[in-house]
Amino acid sequence: MTELHTPQAGDDGAADDDVVTLLMRQHGDIRNLFDEVEAADGEARQEAFHRLVRLLAVHETAEEEIVHPFVRRRVKGGKEIVDARLGEEHAAKETLSALDGTDTRDPKFMPQFLSLRADVQEHARAEERYEFTHIRRNTDAAALASLAKGVKAAEAMAPSRPHPGVESTAANAALGPVAALMDRTRDAVRKAMGKS
């Protein structure tokens, strides 16, 4: 079993003070979990897939609450960059939600899983190229650390399952109990970043 480090609020590693490094490490953890799910079988595959679902949900929630709003505000063409990422995230969440209800031993699981993997990897490359690069260019060390604090706060509150359609605050308002969880996540992020 692969030992993963998913940063939690309160971790003190130096890399946790840089939002891009933190998110890049999560991308690596996600790739490792995709490998683990593919290589495993039976109960081990089911357990690895559950961990993958949670990590994807945590990671995407953090990006939706921290990274995308920052890029919209601070990067030239940020709205278009973020809109493209949100479209990718929504499509991946749709597939992931469908897969999450499927027994990992079902013959239909692996083809859908491999399709999801390709989509998630393409999405991660786009984030790294179009968002993370601009964050590095447009952000000083103090702001990188502030964004990292927000990401860690989101991780602490993130849902354990992805919910298609929660790529924006407006969409969250229509989801009842999920909206409450997303609101708590947003509140935790704002508190961690010193916003009211």
C-alpha atoms as a PDB file:
ATOM      1  CA  MET A   1       0.000   0.000   0.000  1.00  0.00           C
ATOM      2  CA  THR A   2       1.338   3.451  -0.913  1.00  0.00           C
ATOM      3  CA  GLU A   3       1.854   5.805   2.020  1.00  0.00           C
ATOM      4  CA  LEU A   4       0.388   9.169   1.094  1.00  0.00           C
ATOM      5  CA  HIS A   5       0.885  12.507   2.728  1.00  0.00           C
ATOM      6  CA  THR A   6      -2.282  14.514   2.464  1.00  0.00           C
ATOM      7  CA  PRO A   7      -1.503  17.818   4.172  1.00  0.00           C
ATOM      8  CA  GLN A   8      -3.843  18.659   7.012  1.00  0.00           C
ATOM      9  CA  ALA A   9      -4.515  21.928   8.763  1.00  0.00           C
ATOM     10  CA  GLY A  10      -1.751  22.324  11.298  1.00  0.00           C
ATOM     11  CA  ASP A  11       0.984  20.515   9.343  1.00  0.00           C
ATOM     12  CA  ASP A  12       4.195  22.488   9.703  1.00  0.00           C
ATOM     13  CA  GLY A  13       6.243  21.334   6.698  1.00  0.00           C
ATOM     14  CA  ALA A  14       7.970  24.157   4.828  1.00  0.00           C
ATOM     15  CA  ALA A  15       6.348  23.076   1.554  1.00  0.00           C
ATOM     16  CA  ASP A  16       2.952  23.614   3.181  1.00  0.00           C
ATOM     17  CA  ASP A  17       3.718  27.348   3.191  1.00  0.00           C
ATOM     18  CA  ASP A  18       3.551  27.445  -0.616  1.00  0.00           C
ATOM     19  CA  VAL A  19       0.143  26.785  -2.156  1.00  0.00           C
ATOM     20  CA  VAL A  20       1.565  25.648  -5.490  1.00  0.00           C
ATOM     21  CA  THR A  21       3.895  23.120  -3.858  1.00  0.00           C
ATOM     22  CA  LEU A  22       1.024  21.883  -1.694  1.00  0.00           C
ATOM     23  CA  LEU A  23      -1.290  21.398  -4.694  1.00  0.00           C
ATOM     24  CA  MET A  24       1.453  19.812  -6.813  1.00  0.00           C
ATOM     25  CA  ARG A  25       2.072  17.280  -4.033  1.00  0.00           C
ATOM     26  CA  GLN A  26      -1.644  16.493  -4.050  1.00  0.00           C
ATOM     27  CA  HIS A  27      -1.457  15.950  -7.821  1.00  0.00           C
ATOM     28  CA  GLY A  28       1.313  13.416  -7.170  1.00  0.00           C
ATOM     29  CA  ASP A  29      -0.741  11.727  -4.456  1.00  0.00           C
ATOM     30  CA  ILE A  30      -3.706  11.526  -6.826  1.00  0.00           C
ATOM     31  CA  ARG A  31      -1.544   9.933  -9.548  1.00  0.00           C
ATOM     32  CA  ASN A  32      -0.223   7.415  -6.996  1.00  0.00           C
ATOM     33  CA  LEU A  33      -3.728   6.505  -5.888  1.00  0.00           C
ATOM     34  CA  PHE A  34      -4.866   5.992  -9.484  1.00  0.00           C
ATOM     35  CA  ASP A  35      -1.910   3.574  -9.839  1.00  0.00           C
ATOM     36  CA  GLU A  36      -2.838   1.825  -6.605  1.00  0.00           C
ATOM     37  CA  VAL A  37      -6.487   1.369  -7.610  1.00  0.00           C
ATOM     38  CA  GLU A  38      -5.482  -0.020 -11.003  1.00  0.00           C
ATOM     39  CA  ALA A  39      -2.960  -2.461  -9.504  1.00  0.00           C
ATOM     40  CA  ALA A  40      -5.179  -3.685  -6.657  1.00  0.00           C
ATOM     41  CA  ASP A  41      -8.141  -6.040  -6.697  1.00  0.00           C
ATOM     42  CA  GLY A  42     -11.000  -7.063  -4.430  1.00  0.00           C
ATOM     43  CA  GLU A  43     -11.361  -5.219  -1.155  1.00  0.00           C
ATOM     44  CA  ALA A  44      -7.965  -3.514  -1.553  1.00  0.00           C
ATOM     45  CA  ARG A  45      -9.153  -1.882  -4.800  1.00  0.00           C
ATOM     46  CA  GLN A  46     -12.392  -0.728  -3.156  1.00  0.00           C
ATOM     47  CA  GLU A  47     -10.475   0.796  -0.221  1.00  0.00           C
ATOM     48  CA  ALA A  48      -7.939   2.513  -2.493  1.00  0.00           C
ATOM     49  CA  PHE A  49     -10.732   3.885  -4.656  1.00  0.00           C
ATOM     50  CA  HIS A  50     -12.501   5.288  -1.586  1.00  0.00           C
ATOM     51  CA  ARG A  51      -9.280   7.111  -0.600  1.00  0.00           C
ATOM     52  CA  LEU A  52      -8.933   8.409  -4.168  1.00  0.00           C
ATOM     53  CA  VAL A  53     -12.501   9.743  -4.163  1.00  0.00           C
ATOM     54  CA  ARG A  54     -11.901  11.583  -0.897  1.00  0.00           C
ATOM     55  CA  LEU A  55      -8.577  13.067  -2.007  1.00  0.00           C
ATOM     56  CA  LEU A  56     -10.074  14.248  -5.305  1.00  0.00           C
ATOM     57  CA  ALA A  57     -12.982  15.833  -3.434  1.00  0.00           C
ATOM     58  CA  VAL A  58     -10.643  17.551  -0.952  1.00  0.00           C
ATOM     59  CA  HIS A  59      -8.337  18.784  -3.696  1.00  0.00           C
ATOM     60  CA  GLU A  60     -11.084  20.118  -5.947  1.00  0.00           C
ATOM     61  CA  THR A  61     -12.900  21.802  -3.060  1.00  0.00           C
ATOM     62  CA  ALA A  62      -9.680  23.585  -2.092  1.00  0.00           C
ATOM     63  CA  GLU A  63      -9.111  24.712  -5.671  1.00  0.00           C
ATOM     64  CA  GLU A  64     -12.714  25.872  -6.069  1.00  0.00           C
ATOM     65  CA  GLU A  65     -12.561  27.911  -2.878  1.00  0.00           C
ATOM     66  CA  ILE A  66      -9.004  29.281  -3.116  1.00  0.00           C
ATOM     67  CA  VAL A  67      -7.223  28.866  -6.440  1.00  0.00           C
ATOM     68  CA  HIS A  68      -9.943  29.659  -8.958  1.00  0.00           C
ATOM     69  CA  PRO A  69     -11.104  32.908  -7.301  1.00  0.00           C
ATOM     70  CA  PHE A  70      -7.482  34.057  -7.002  1.00  0.00           C
ATOM     71  CA  VAL A  71      -6.786  33.322 -10.678  1.00  0.00           C
ATOM     72  CA  ARG A  72      -9.990  35.104 -11.749  1.00  0.00           C
ATOM     73  CA  ARG A  73      -8.892  38.241  -9.875  1.00  0.00           C
ATOM     74  CA  ARG A  74      -5.143  38.288 -10.443  1.00  0.00           C
ATOM     75  CA  VAL A  75      -4.398  36.702 -13.812  1.00  0.00           C
ATOM     76  CA  LYS A  76      -5.001  38.306 -17.185  1.00  0.00           C
ATOM     77  CA  GLY A  77      -7.627  36.155 -18.904  1.00  0.00           C
ATOM     78  CA  GLY A  78      -8.316  34.484 -15.555  1.00  0.00           C
ATOM     79  CA  LYS A  79     -12.058  34.147 -16.101  1.00  0.00           C
ATOM     80  CA  GLU A  80     -11.563  32.084 -19.255  1.00  0.00           C
ATOM     81  CA  ILE A  81      -8.831  29.982 -17.620  1.00  0.00           C
ATOM     82  CA  VAL A  82     -11.044  29.218 -14.615  1.00  0.00           C
ATOM     83  CA  ASP A  83     -14.160  28.552 -16.694  1.00  0.00           C
ATOM     84  CA  ALA A  84     -12.253  25.919 -18.684  1.00  0.00           C
ATOM     85  CA  ARG A  85     -11.012  24.266 -15.465  1.00  0.00           C
ATOM     86  CA  LEU A  86     -14.516  24.263 -13.971  1.00  0.00           C
ATOM     87  CA  GLY A  87     -15.862  22.518 -17.069  1.00  0.00           C
ATOM     88  CA  GLU A  88     -13.189  19.836 -16.723  1.00  0.00           C
ATOM     89  CA  GLU A  89     -13.905  19.439 -13.005  1.00  0.00           C
ATOM     90  CA  HIS A  90     -17.632  19.101 -13.555  1.00  0.00           C
ATOM     91  CA  ALA A  91     -17.183  16.384 -16.189  1.00  0.00           C
ATOM     92  CA  ALA A  92     -14.757  14.474 -13.942  1.00  0.00           C
ATOM     93  CA  LYS A  93     -17.129  14.736 -10.965  1.00  0.00           C
ATOM     94  CA  GLU A  94     -19.969  13.338 -13.071  1.00  0.00           C
ATOM     95  CA  THR A  95     -17.874  10.287 -13.971  1.00  0.00           C
ATOM     96  CA  LEU A  96     -16.511   9.922 -10.452  1.00  0.00           C
ATOM     97  CA  SER A  97     -19.981  10.088  -8.911  1.00  0.00           C
ATOM     98  CA  ALA A  98     -21.213   7.396 -11.296  1.00  0.00           C
ATOM     99  CA  LEU A  99     -18.192   5.231 -10.505  1.00  0.00           C
ATOM    100  CA  ASP A 100     -18.490   5.770  -6.767  1.00  0.00           C
ATOM    101  CA  GLY A 101     -21.721   3.778  -6.718  1.00  0.00           C
ATOM    102  CA  THR A 102     -20.176   0.937  -8.720  1.00  0.00           C
ATOM    103  CA  ASP A 103     -18.551  -2.121  -7.180  1.00  0.00           C
ATOM    104  CA  THR A 104     -14.899  -1.979  -8.174  1.00  0.00           C
ATOM    105  CA  ARG A 105     -15.159  -5.678  -9.158  1.00  0.00           C
ATOM    106  CA  ASP A 106     -17.861  -4.873 -11.719  1.00  0.00           C
ATOM    107  CA  PRO A 107     -16.502  -5.384 -15.275  1.00  0.00           C
ATOM    108  CA  LYS A 108     -17.791  -1.906 -16.186  1.00  0.00           C
ATOM    109  CA  PHE A 109     -15.682  -0.252 -13.475  1.00  0.00           C
ATOM    110  CA  MET A 110     -12.195  -0.430 -14.975  1.00  0.00           C
ATOM    111  CA  PRO A 111     -12.950   1.055 -18.436  1.00  0.00           C
ATOM    112  CA  GLN A 112     -14.760   4.006 -16.808  1.00  0.00           C
ATOM    113  CA  PHE A 113     -12.002   4.323 -14.216  1.00  0.00           C
ATOM    114  CA  LEU A 114      -9.303   4.507 -16.902  1.00  0.00           C
ATOM    115  CA  SER A 115     -11.317   7.160 -18.744  1.00  0.00           C
ATOM    116  CA  LEU A 116     -11.613   9.134 -15.498  1.00  0.00           C
ATOM    117  CA  ARG A 117      -7.884   8.807 -14.935  1.00  0.00           C
ATOM    118  CA  ALA A 118      -7.099  10.250 -18.377  1.00  0.00           C
ATOM    119  CA  ASP A 119      -9.506  13.155 -17.778  1.00  0.00           C
ATOM    120  CA  VAL A 120      -8.118  13.925 -14.313  1.00  0.00           C
ATOM    121  CA  GLN A 121      -4.523  13.803 -15.554  1.00  0.00           C
ATOM    122  CA  GLU A 122      -5.330  16.145 -18.441  1.00  0.00           C
ATOM    123  CA  HIS A 123      -7.100  18.482 -16.018  1.00  0.00           C
ATOM    124  CA  ALA A 124      -4.127  18.458 -13.623  1.00  0.00           C
ATOM    125  CA  ARG A 125      -1.729  19.317 -16.471  1.00  0.00           C
ATOM    126  CA  ALA A 126      -3.994  22.221 -17.476  1.00  0.00           C
ATOM    127  CA  GLU A 127      -4.078  23.497 -13.888  1.00  0.00           C
ATOM    128  CA  GLU A 128      -0.313  23.290 -13.623  1.00  0.00           C
ATOM    129  CA  ARG A 129       0.194  25.080 -16.934  1.00  0.00           C
ATOM    130  CA  TYR A 130      -2.559  27.695 -16.878  1.00  0.00           C
ATOM    131  CA  GLU A 131      -3.160  28.348 -13.188  1.00  0.00           C
ATOM    132  CA  PHE A 132      -0.193  27.304 -11.074  1.00  0.00           C
ATOM    133  CA  THR A 133       2.365  28.953 -13.371  1.00  0.00           C
ATOM    134  CA  HIS A 134       0.485  32.266 -13.204  1.00  0.00           C
ATOM    135  CA  ILE A 135       0.089  32.017  -9.440  1.00  0.00           C
ATOM    136  CA  ARG A 136       3.866  31.655  -9.087  1.00  0.00           C
ATOM    137  CA  ARG A 137       4.498  34.622 -11.414  1.00  0.00           C
ATOM    138  CA  ASN A 138       1.957  36.926  -9.774  1.00  0.00           C
ATOM    139  CA  THR A 139       2.294  36.066  -6.101  1.00  0.00           C
ATOM    140  CA  ASP A 140       4.854  36.808  -3.408  1.00  0.00           C
ATOM    141  CA  ALA A 141       5.860  34.366  -0.655  1.00  0.00           C
ATOM    142  CA  ALA A 142       3.445  35.864   1.894  1.00  0.00           C
ATOM    143  CA  ALA A 143       0.480  35.479  -0.465  1.00  0.00           C
ATOM    144  CA  LEU A 144       1.535  31.915  -1.373  1.00  0.00           C
ATOM    145  CA  ALA A 145       1.569  31.106   2.348  1.00  0.00           C
ATOM    146  CA  SER A 146      -1.835  32.754   2.864  1.00  0.00           C
ATOM    147  CA  LEU A 147      -3.335  30.739   0.000  1.00  0.00           C
ATOM    148  CA  ALA A 148      -1.773  27.563   1.451  1.00  0.00           C
ATOM    149  CA  LYS A 149      -3.476  28.294   4.790  1.00  0.00           C
ATOM    150  CA  GLY A 150      -6.773  28.525   2.972  1.00  0.00           C
ATOM    151  CA  VAL A 151      -6.188  25.247   1.133  1.00  0.00           C
ATOM    152  CA  LYS A 152      -5.376  23.474   4.392  1.00  0.00           C
ATOM    153  CA  ALA A 153      -8.552  24.878   5.986  1.00  0.00           C
ATOM    154  CA  ALA A 154     -10.597  23.643   3.017  1.00  0.00           C
ATOM    155  CA  GLU A 155      -9.019  20.200   3.372  1.00  0.00           C
ATOM    156  CA  ALA A 156     -10.165  20.029   6.973  1.00  0.00           C
ATOM    157  CA  MET A 157     -13.778  20.718   5.963  1.00  0.00           C
ATOM    158  CA  ALA A 158     -13.935  19.111   2.527  1.00  0.00           C
ATOM    159  CA  PRO A 159     -16.680  16.628   1.679  1.00  0.00           C
ATOM    160  CA  SER A 160     -15.704  12.986   1.465  1.00  0.00           C
ATOM    161  CA  ARG A 161     -17.609  12.570  -1.825  1.00  0.00           C
ATOM    162  CA  PRO A 162     -17.590  14.766  -4.946  1.00  0.00           C
ATOM    163  CA  HIS A 163     -20.825  16.477  -5.886  1.00  0.00           C
ATOM    164  CA  PRO A 164     -21.221  17.502  -9.530  1.00  0.00           C
ATOM    165  CA  GLY A 165     -22.540  21.015  -9.867  1.00  0.00           C
ATOM    166  CA  VAL A 166     -20.750  22.480  -6.852  1.00  0.00           C
ATOM    167  CA  GLU A 167     -18.081  24.196  -8.900  1.00  0.00           C
ATOM    168  CA  SER A 168     -19.375  27.600  -7.829  1.00  0.00           C
ATOM    169  CA  THR A 169     -20.919  29.228  -4.795  1.00  0.00           C
ATOM    170  CA  ALA A 170     -24.113  29.908  -6.771  1.00  0.00           C
ATOM    171  CA  ALA A 171     -24.492  26.227  -7.620  1.00  0.00           C
ATOM    172  CA  ASN A 172     -23.913  25.300  -3.964  1.00  0.00           C
ATOM    173  CA  ALA A 173     -27.017  27.241  -2.925  1.00  0.00           C
ATOM    174  CA  ALA A 174     -29.322  24.701  -4.595  1.00  0.00           C
ATOM    175  CA  LEU A 175     -27.916  21.592  -2.929  1.00  0.00           C
ATOM    176  CA  GLY A 176     -29.412  21.592   0.577  1.00  0.00           C
ATOM    177  CA  PRO A 177     -27.181  19.683   3.046  1.00  0.00           C
ATOM    178  CA  VAL A 178     -24.268  19.710   0.619  1.00  0.00           C
ATOM    179  CA  ALA A 179     -24.582  23.487   0.428  1.00  0.00           C
ATOM    180  CA  ALA A 180     -24.285  23.655   4.209  1.00  0.00           C
ATOM    181  CA  LEU A 181     -21.068  21.635   4.068  1.00  0.00           C
ATOM    182  CA  MET A 182     -19.688  23.816   1.281  1.00  0.00           C
ATOM    183  CA  ASP A 183     -20.633  26.934   3.236  1.00  0.00           C
ATOM    184  CA  ARG A 184     -18.757  25.607   6.282  1.00  0.00           C
ATOM    185  CA  THR A 185     -15.772  24.910   4.031  1.00  0.00           C
ATOM    186  CA  ARG A 186     -15.887  28.433   2.628  1.00  0.00           C
ATOM    187  CA  ASP A 187     -16.245  29.889   6.132  1.00  0.00           C
ATOM    188  CA  ALA A 188     -13.244  27.898   7.357  1.00  0.00           C
ATOM    189  CA  VAL A 189     -11.202  29.112   4.392  1.00  0.00           C
ATOM    190  CA  ARG A 190     -12.172  32.739   4.975  1.00  0.00           C
ATOM    191  CA  LYS A 191     -11.382  32.473   8.677  1.00  0.00           C
ATOM    192  CA  ALA A 192      -7.989  30.925   7.932  1.00  0.00           C
ATOM    193  CA  MET A 193      -7.241  33.715   5.455  1.00  0.00           C
ATOM    194  CA  GLY A 194      -8.351  36.489   7.827  1.00  0.00           C
ATOM    195  CA  LYS A 195     -11.490  37.442   5.907  1.00  0.00           C
ATOM    196  CA  SER A 196     -14.936  37.947   7.370  1.00  0.00           C
END
